Amino acid sequence: MQISDKVYSMVRHCEGLLSIMMEREVELVISMKGQQVTEAMIREMVCASFDLPWSAVKSKCRKRIITTARQCYCYLCTIYLTVSDNDVAQSVNIDRTTVISSRQNIAEYLETGDEYVTQYLGNIIQQLNALPSKQNHYNNEKLQHKA
């Protein structure tokens, strides 16, 4: 484990504590020279990619396209934003452990080259990685999922 991994983990922990202390939602973003990746941006990209309204992604429906969209949303939020699993879970009305499972499933699908997932998620990841001076958190997280 590298020092940067420990620092990243500590920052997420501190943000979670700060959120609890403030007793309100804290919008956490990654600053990128005038641009920011926000939860709203990820939400819009997922809805556009899957051609679904947000109400469908947030619903309890178990159709494959909707569950895949929900899992992709969870994956992207935990990769590109420094938010806790609880925060992501609350935004889509699911349990924290489901967020963890979603992240692992999508990472596995990407690793194995699952065409169904990559056709939707690949474009979103390209758009997020193309932002100027963006650190590539996707590759770092993909490596961490293997451990």
C-alpha atoms as a PDB file:
ATOM      1  CA  MET A   1       0.000   0.000   0.000  1.00  0.00           C
ATOM      2  CA  GLN A   2       1.357   3.383  -0.996  1.00  0.00           C
ATOM      3  CA  ILE A   3       1.204   6.591   1.016  1.00  0.00           C
ATOM      4  CA  SER A   4      -1.200   8.098  -1.532  1.00  0.00           C
ATOM      5  CA  ASP A   5      -3.653   5.251  -0.888  1.00  0.00           C
ATOM      6  CA  LYS A   6      -3.585   5.939   2.845  1.00  0.00           C
ATOM      7  CA  VAL A   7      -4.052   9.688   2.332  1.00  0.00           C
ATOM      8  CA  TYR A   8      -7.001   9.109  -0.035  1.00  0.00           C
ATOM      9  CA  SER A   9      -8.597   6.815   2.530  1.00  0.00           C
ATOM     10  CA  MET A  10      -8.086   9.313   5.351  1.00  0.00           C
ATOM     11  CA  VAL A  11      -9.559  12.166   3.295  1.00  0.00           C
ATOM     12  CA  ARG A  12     -12.708  10.134   2.628  1.00  0.00           C
ATOM     13  CA  HIS A  13     -12.961   9.265   6.317  1.00  0.00           C
ATOM     14  CA  CYS A  14     -12.566  12.920   7.369  1.00  0.00           C
ATOM     15  CA  GLU A  15     -15.189  14.048   4.843  1.00  0.00           C
ATOM     16  CA  GLY A  16     -17.610  11.486   6.228  1.00  0.00           C
ATOM     17  CA  LEU A  17     -17.061  12.771   9.753  1.00  0.00           C
ATOM     18  CA  LEU A  18     -17.441  16.371   8.615  1.00  0.00           C
ATOM     19  CA  SER A  19     -20.706  15.521   6.899  1.00  0.00           C
ATOM     20  CA  ILE A  20     -22.045  13.936  10.074  1.00  0.00           C
ATOM     21  CA  MET A  21     -20.949  16.877  12.217  1.00  0.00           C
ATOM     22  CA  MET A  22     -22.592  19.394   9.924  1.00  0.00           C
ATOM     23  CA  GLU A  23     -25.810  17.304   9.904  1.00  0.00           C
ATOM     24  CA  ARG A  24     -26.485  18.104   6.285  1.00  0.00           C
ATOM     25  CA  GLU A  25     -25.464  16.828   2.912  1.00  0.00           C
ATOM     26  CA  VAL A  26     -22.108  18.042   1.708  1.00  0.00           C
ATOM     27  CA  GLU A  27     -21.610  18.150  -2.052  1.00  0.00           C
ATOM     28  CA  LEU A  28     -18.120  16.826  -2.626  1.00  0.00           C
ATOM     29  CA  VAL A  29     -16.406  17.544  -5.911  1.00  0.00           C
ATOM     30  CA  ILE A  30     -13.069  17.143  -7.637  1.00  0.00           C
ATOM     31  CA  SER A  31     -11.795  20.490  -8.931  1.00  0.00           C
ATOM     32  CA  MET A  32     -10.316  20.398 -12.422  1.00  0.00           C
ATOM     33  CA  LYS A  33      -9.107  23.812 -13.676  1.00  0.00           C
ATOM     34  CA  GLY A  34     -12.508  25.444 -13.909  1.00  0.00           C
ATOM     35  CA  GLN A  35     -14.487  22.225 -14.286  1.00  0.00           C
ATOM     36  CA  GLN A  36     -15.849  19.970 -11.611  1.00  0.00           C
ATOM     37  CA  VAL A  37     -17.149  16.435 -11.679  1.00  0.00           C
ATOM     38  CA  THR A  38     -20.277  16.456  -9.562  1.00  0.00           C
ATOM     39  CA  GLU A  39     -22.882  13.927  -8.610  1.00  0.00           C
ATOM     40  CA  ALA A  40     -25.335  15.769 -10.870  1.00  0.00           C
ATOM     41  CA  MET A  41     -22.958  15.449 -13.830  1.00  0.00           C
ATOM     42  CA  ILE A  42     -22.591  11.702 -13.265  1.00  0.00           C
ATOM     43  CA  ARG A  43     -26.357  11.370 -12.864  1.00  0.00           C
ATOM     44  CA  GLU A  44     -26.988  13.167 -16.174  1.00  0.00           C
ATOM     45  CA  MET A  45     -24.359  11.111 -18.010  1.00  0.00           C
ATOM     46  CA  VAL A  46     -25.777   7.809 -16.736  1.00  0.00           C
ATOM     47  CA  CYS A  47     -29.348   8.797 -17.592  1.00  0.00           C
ATOM     48  CA  ALA A  48     -28.314   9.969 -21.073  1.00  0.00           C
ATOM     49  CA  SER A  49     -26.200   6.889 -21.768  1.00  0.00           C
ATOM     50  CA  PHE A  50     -28.933   4.465 -20.728  1.00  0.00           C
ATOM     51  CA  ASP A  51     -31.744   6.690 -22.072  1.00  0.00           C
ATOM     52  CA  LEU A  52     -33.583   6.494 -18.760  1.00  0.00           C
ATOM     53  CA  PRO A  53     -35.130   9.106 -16.479  1.00  0.00           C
ATOM     54  CA  TRP A  54     -33.554   9.511 -13.038  1.00  0.00           C
ATOM     55  CA  SER A  55     -36.789   8.307 -11.418  1.00  0.00           C
ATOM     56  CA  ALA A  56     -36.301   4.923 -13.137  1.00  0.00           C
ATOM     57  CA  VAL A  57     -32.671   4.604 -12.007  1.00  0.00           C
ATOM     58  CA  LYS A  58     -33.705   5.485  -8.457  1.00  0.00           C
ATOM     59  CA  SER A  59     -36.653   3.060  -8.468  1.00  0.00           C
ATOM     60  CA  LYS A  60     -36.705  -0.450  -7.033  1.00  0.00           C
ATOM     61  CA  CYS A  61     -37.225  -1.953 -10.510  1.00  0.00           C
ATOM     62  CA  ARG A  62     -35.115  -5.037 -11.292  1.00  0.00           C
ATOM     63  CA  LYS A  63     -35.031  -4.803 -15.085  1.00  0.00           C
ATOM     64  CA  ARG A  64     -31.505  -5.405 -16.311  1.00  0.00           C
ATOM     65  CA  ILE A  65     -31.060  -2.027 -17.991  1.00  0.00           C
ATOM     66  CA  ILE A  66     -32.208  -0.191 -14.860  1.00  0.00           C
ATOM     67  CA  THR A  67     -30.117  -2.234 -12.427  1.00  0.00           C
ATOM     68  CA  THR A  68     -27.083  -1.834 -14.690  1.00  0.00           C
ATOM     69  CA  ALA A  69     -27.622   1.933 -14.815  1.00  0.00           C
ATOM     70  CA  ARG A  70     -27.925   2.019 -11.013  1.00  0.00           C
ATOM     71  CA  GLN A  71     -24.753  -0.043 -10.604  1.00  0.00           C
ATOM     72  CA  CYS A  72     -22.863   2.190 -13.048  1.00  0.00           C
ATOM     73  CA  TYR A  73     -24.005   5.273 -11.144  1.00  0.00           C
ATOM     74  CA  CYS A  74     -22.750   3.770  -7.863  1.00  0.00           C
ATOM     75  CA  TYR A  75     -19.453   2.776  -9.480  1.00  0.00           C
ATOM     76  CA  LEU A  76     -18.829   6.195 -11.024  1.00  0.00           C
ATOM     77  CA  CYS A  77     -19.715   8.092  -7.849  1.00  0.00           C
ATOM     78  CA  THR A  78     -17.294   6.076  -5.749  1.00  0.00           C
ATOM     79  CA  ILE A  79     -14.548   6.344  -8.401  1.00  0.00           C
ATOM     80  CA  TYR A  80     -14.798   9.999  -9.397  1.00  0.00           C
ATOM     81  CA  LEU A  81     -16.187  11.590  -6.244  1.00  0.00           C
ATOM     82  CA  THR A  82     -14.941  11.375  -2.700  1.00  0.00           C
ATOM     83  CA  VAL A  83     -18.268  10.362  -1.216  1.00  0.00           C
ATOM     84  CA  SER A  84     -19.050   7.598   1.203  1.00  0.00           C
ATOM     85  CA  ASP A  85     -20.959   4.474   0.270  1.00  0.00           C
ATOM     86  CA  ASN A  86     -23.764   5.646   2.572  1.00  0.00           C
ATOM     87  CA  ASP A  87     -24.126   8.927   0.645  1.00  0.00           C
ATOM     88  CA  VAL A  88     -24.310   7.088  -2.679  1.00  0.00           C
ATOM     89  CA  ALA A  89     -26.801   4.600  -1.227  1.00  0.00           C
ATOM     90  CA  GLN A  90     -29.078   7.380   0.012  1.00  0.00           C
ATOM     91  CA  SER A  91     -29.093   9.066  -3.392  1.00  0.00           C
ATOM     92  CA  VAL A  92     -30.516   5.946  -5.097  1.00  0.00           C
ATOM     93  CA  ASN A  93     -32.545   4.507  -2.197  1.00  0.00           C
ATOM     94  CA  ILE A  94     -30.476   1.364  -1.714  1.00  0.00           C
ATOM     95  CA  ASP A  95     -28.415  -0.156   1.070  1.00  0.00           C
ATOM     96  CA  ARG A  96     -24.715   0.631   1.570  1.00  0.00           C
ATOM     97  CA  THR A  97     -23.763  -2.994   0.972  1.00  0.00           C
ATOM     98  CA  THR A  98     -25.552  -2.867  -2.385  1.00  0.00           C
ATOM     99  CA  VAL A  99     -23.299   0.049  -3.370  1.00  0.00           C
ATOM    100  CA  ILE A 100     -20.248  -2.047  -2.495  1.00  0.00           C
ATOM    101  CA  SER A 101     -21.598  -4.984  -4.480  1.00  0.00           C
ATOM    102  CA  SER A 102     -22.421  -2.705  -7.437  1.00  0.00           C
ATOM    103  CA  ARG A 103     -18.907  -1.289  -7.481  1.00  0.00           C
ATOM    104  CA  GLN A 104     -17.398  -4.786  -7.426  1.00  0.00           C
ATOM    105  CA  ASN A 105     -19.751  -6.076 -10.135  1.00  0.00           C
ATOM    106  CA  ILE A 106     -19.028  -3.197 -12.521  1.00  0.00           C
ATOM    107  CA  ALA A 107     -15.267  -3.449 -11.898  1.00  0.00           C
ATOM    108  CA  GLU A 108     -15.473  -7.166 -12.711  1.00  0.00           C
ATOM    109  CA  TYR A 109     -17.552  -6.532 -15.849  1.00  0.00           C
ATOM    110  CA  LEU A 110     -15.016  -3.958 -17.052  1.00  0.00           C
ATOM    111  CA  GLU A 111     -12.124  -6.292 -16.287  1.00  0.00           C
ATOM    112  CA  THR A 112     -13.663  -9.146 -18.258  1.00  0.00           C
ATOM    113  CA  GLY A 113     -14.791  -6.865 -21.096  1.00  0.00           C
ATOM    114  CA  ASP A 114     -18.522  -7.473 -20.702  1.00  0.00           C
ATOM    115  CA  GLU A 115     -20.012  -5.902 -23.850  1.00  0.00           C
ATOM    116  CA  TYR A 116     -23.355  -4.990 -22.263  1.00  0.00           C
ATOM    117  CA  VAL A 117     -21.744  -2.852 -19.560  1.00  0.00           C
ATOM    118  CA  THR A 118     -18.893  -1.435 -21.620  1.00  0.00           C
ATOM    119  CA  GLN A 119     -21.241  -0.188 -24.362  1.00  0.00           C
ATOM    120  CA  TYR A 120     -22.926   2.078 -21.807  1.00  0.00           C
ATOM    121  CA  LEU A 121     -20.150   2.838 -19.357  1.00  0.00           C
ATOM    122  CA  GLY A 122     -17.217   3.146 -21.743  1.00  0.00           C
ATOM    123  CA  ASN A 123     -18.458   6.412 -23.221  1.00  0.00           C
ATOM    124  CA  ILE A 124     -19.044   7.979 -19.797  1.00  0.00           C
ATOM    125  CA  ILE A 125     -15.568   7.007 -18.578  1.00  0.00           C
ATOM    126  CA  GLN A 126     -14.022   8.468 -21.737  1.00  0.00           C
ATOM    127  CA  GLN A 127     -15.853  11.759 -21.187  1.00  0.00           C
ATOM    128  CA  LEU A 128     -14.784  11.976 -17.536  1.00  0.00           C
ATOM    129  CA  ASN A 129     -11.173  11.011 -18.295  1.00  0.00           C
ATOM    130  CA  ALA A 130     -11.011  13.561 -21.135  1.00  0.00           C
ATOM    131  CA  LEU A 131     -11.549  16.480 -18.778  1.00  0.00           C
ATOM    132  CA  PRO A 132      -8.422  18.668 -18.533  1.00  0.00           C
ATOM    133  CA  SER A 133      -5.835  17.831 -15.867  1.00  0.00           C
ATOM    134  CA  LYS A 134      -7.987  14.998 -14.546  1.00  0.00           C
ATOM    135  CA  GLN A 135      -6.119  12.459 -12.481  1.00  0.00           C
ATOM    136  CA  ASN A 136      -7.070   9.038 -13.697  1.00  0.00           C
ATOM    137  CA  HIS A 137      -8.864   7.666 -10.638  1.00  0.00           C
ATOM    138  CA  TYR A 138     -10.444   4.945 -12.777  1.00  0.00           C
ATOM    139  CA  ASN A 139      -7.189   3.016 -13.239  1.00  0.00           C
ATOM    140  CA  ASN A 140      -6.216   3.439  -9.576  1.00  0.00           C
ATOM    141  CA  GLU A 141      -9.581   2.140  -8.365  1.00  0.00           C
ATOM    142  CA  LYS A 142      -9.536  -0.754 -10.857  1.00  0.00           C
ATOM    143  CA  LEU A 143      -6.238  -1.891  -9.354  1.00  0.00           C
ATOM    144  CA  GLN A 144      -7.594  -1.543  -5.818  1.00  0.00           C
ATOM    145  CA  HIS A 145     -10.607  -3.732  -6.673  1.00  0.00           C
ATOM    146  CA  LYS A 146      -8.259  -6.606  -7.540  1.00  0.00           C
ATOM    147  CA  ALA A 147      -6.764  -6.583  -4.043  1.00  0.00           C
END
